[in-house]
Amino acid sequence: MSRSAVVRTLEDDQLMSAEDAAAIRDRRVNDLMAEAGLTEQWRALCAGQAEPCGSPWLVNRALEAYSHGWVGAHVVADLLGQDIETTKRQLVAQGWAEPETHSA
């Protein structure tokens, strides 16, 4: 969830004043995490950001389309940032049978 969404929700639920919200919006996340004593946890979370990985929602949609034969395994592989052979092995291991593709 984005910082903007959290701040907006806290404001809407009257759990944060407009002044506090403005102060959070204008500050760097690193500074906020340091102030909260969460610097090490924040660094650990950020370290994983460089790993290739599709959004869970998008991967789920691609898997759904794959199961219907609308897209090939290459689409799922691209979203996961891995080669197609690895993806095919993982799909089979997870119970995803390779569907027949629909021709237009």
Protein backbone atom coordinates (compact mmCIF):
# COMPACT_ATOMS: atom_id res chain seq x y z
CA MET A 1 0.00 0.00 0.00
CA SER A 2 1.38 3.40 -0.86
CA ARG A 3 2.21 6.05 1.68
CA SER A 4 -0.36 8.36 0.09
CA ALA A 5 -3.11 5.77 0.50
CA VAL A 6 -2.23 5.18 4.15
CA VAL A 7 -2.09 8.89 4.94
CA ARG A 8 -5.38 9.54 3.12
CA THR A 9 -7.07 6.69 5.02
CA LEU A 10 -5.77 7.93 8.37
CA GLU A 11 -7.01 11.43 7.57
CA ASP A 12 -10.41 10.18 6.35
CA ASP A 13 -10.85 8.14 9.53
CA GLN A 14 -9.80 11.19 11.56
CA LEU A 15 -6.84 9.34 13.05
CA MET A 16 -4.40 11.97 11.78
CA SER A 17 -4.61 15.72 11.48
CA ALA A 18 -4.10 17.50 8.16
CA GLU A 19 -0.90 19.03 9.57
CA ASP A 20 0.54 15.64 10.54
CA ALA A 21 -0.44 14.22 7.15
CA ALA A 22 1.30 17.06 5.34
CA ALA A 23 4.44 16.52 7.43
CA ILE A 24 4.53 12.84 6.51
CA ARG A 25 3.87 13.46 2.82
CA ASP A 26 6.80 15.89 2.64
CA ARG A 27 9.38 13.71 4.40
CA ARG A 28 11.64 11.03 3.00
CA VAL A 29 10.66 7.48 3.90
CA ASN A 30 14.21 6.78 5.13
CA ASP A 31 13.86 9.63 7.65
CA LEU A 32 10.44 8.42 8.82
CA MET A 33 11.74 4.88 9.32
CA ALA A 34 14.79 6.14 11.25
CA GLU A 35 12.55 8.24 13.50
CA ALA A 36 10.40 5.17 14.20
CA GLY A 37 13.48 3.05 14.98
CA LEU A 38 12.91 0.84 11.93
CA THR A 39 16.03 1.59 9.90
CA GLU A 40 17.34 -1.99 9.80
CA GLN A 41 13.96 -3.48 8.95
CA TRP A 42 13.48 -0.88 6.21
CA ARG A 43 16.90 -1.64 4.72
CA ALA A 44 16.11 -5.37 4.71
CA LEU A 45 12.81 -4.76 2.92
CA CYS A 46 14.43 -2.47 0.37
CA ALA A 47 17.17 -5.00 -0.36
CA GLY A 48 14.58 -7.30 -1.92
CA GLN A 49 13.25 -4.63 -4.27
CA ALA A 50 15.84 -5.40 -6.93
CA GLU A 51 14.68 -9.00 -7.24
CA PRO A 52 12.57 -9.55 -10.35
CA CYS A 53 8.99 -10.31 -9.47
CA GLY A 54 5.68 -9.42 -11.05
CA SER A 55 2.90 -7.91 -9.03
CA PRO A 56 0.86 -10.67 -7.37
CA TRP A 57 -2.32 -9.35 -8.98
CA LEU A 58 -0.79 -9.32 -12.46
CA VAL A 59 0.75 -12.78 -12.02
CA ASN A 60 -2.63 -14.15 -10.90
CA ARG A 61 -4.33 -12.64 -13.95
CA ALA A 62 -1.64 -14.13 -16.20
CA LEU A 63 -2.09 -17.55 -14.57
CA GLU A 64 -5.83 -17.30 -15.10
CA ALA A 65 -5.30 -16.38 -18.76
CA TYR A 66 -2.75 -19.20 -19.08
CA SER A 67 -5.22 -21.72 -17.65
CA HIS A 68 -7.75 -20.71 -20.32
CA GLY A 69 -5.16 -20.94 -23.08
CA TRP A 70 -5.35 -17.24 -23.81
CA VAL A 71 -1.63 -16.65 -23.21
CA GLY A 72 1.42 -18.88 -23.24
CA ALA A 73 3.80 -19.69 -20.41
CA HIS A 74 6.15 -17.03 -21.79
CA VAL A 75 3.84 -14.31 -20.43
CA VAL A 76 4.02 -15.78 -16.91
CA ALA A 77 7.80 -16.20 -17.29
CA ASP A 78 8.21 -12.56 -18.29
CA LEU A 79 6.23 -11.38 -15.27
CA LEU A 80 8.29 -13.54 -12.94
CA GLY A 81 11.57 -12.47 -14.56
CA GLN A 82 12.68 -16.01 -15.34
CA ASP A 83 13.25 -18.23 -18.35
CA ILE A 84 10.34 -20.09 -19.93
CA GLU A 85 11.65 -23.61 -19.21
CA THR A 86 11.92 -22.89 -15.48
CA THR A 87 8.45 -21.38 -15.53
CA LYS A 88 6.98 -24.38 -17.35
CA ARG A 89 8.55 -26.77 -14.80
CA GLN A 90 7.18 -24.69 -11.93
CA LEU A 91 3.71 -24.50 -13.49
CA VAL A 92 3.58 -28.28 -13.92
CA ALA A 93 4.91 -28.84 -10.38
CA GLN A 94 2.16 -26.58 -9.03
CA GLY A 95 -0.53 -28.46 -10.91
CA TRP A 96 -0.99 -26.14 -13.88
CA ALA A 97 -1.47 -28.34 -16.92
CA GLU A 98 -0.35 -26.76 -20.16
CA PRO A 99 -3.64 -25.79 -21.80
CA GLU A 100 -4.51 -25.99 -25.46
CA THR A 101 -4.31 -22.52 -26.93
CA HIS A 102 -7.31 -20.96 -28.57
CA SER A 103 -6.77 -19.86 -32.13
CA ALA A 104 -8.44 -16.71 -33.39
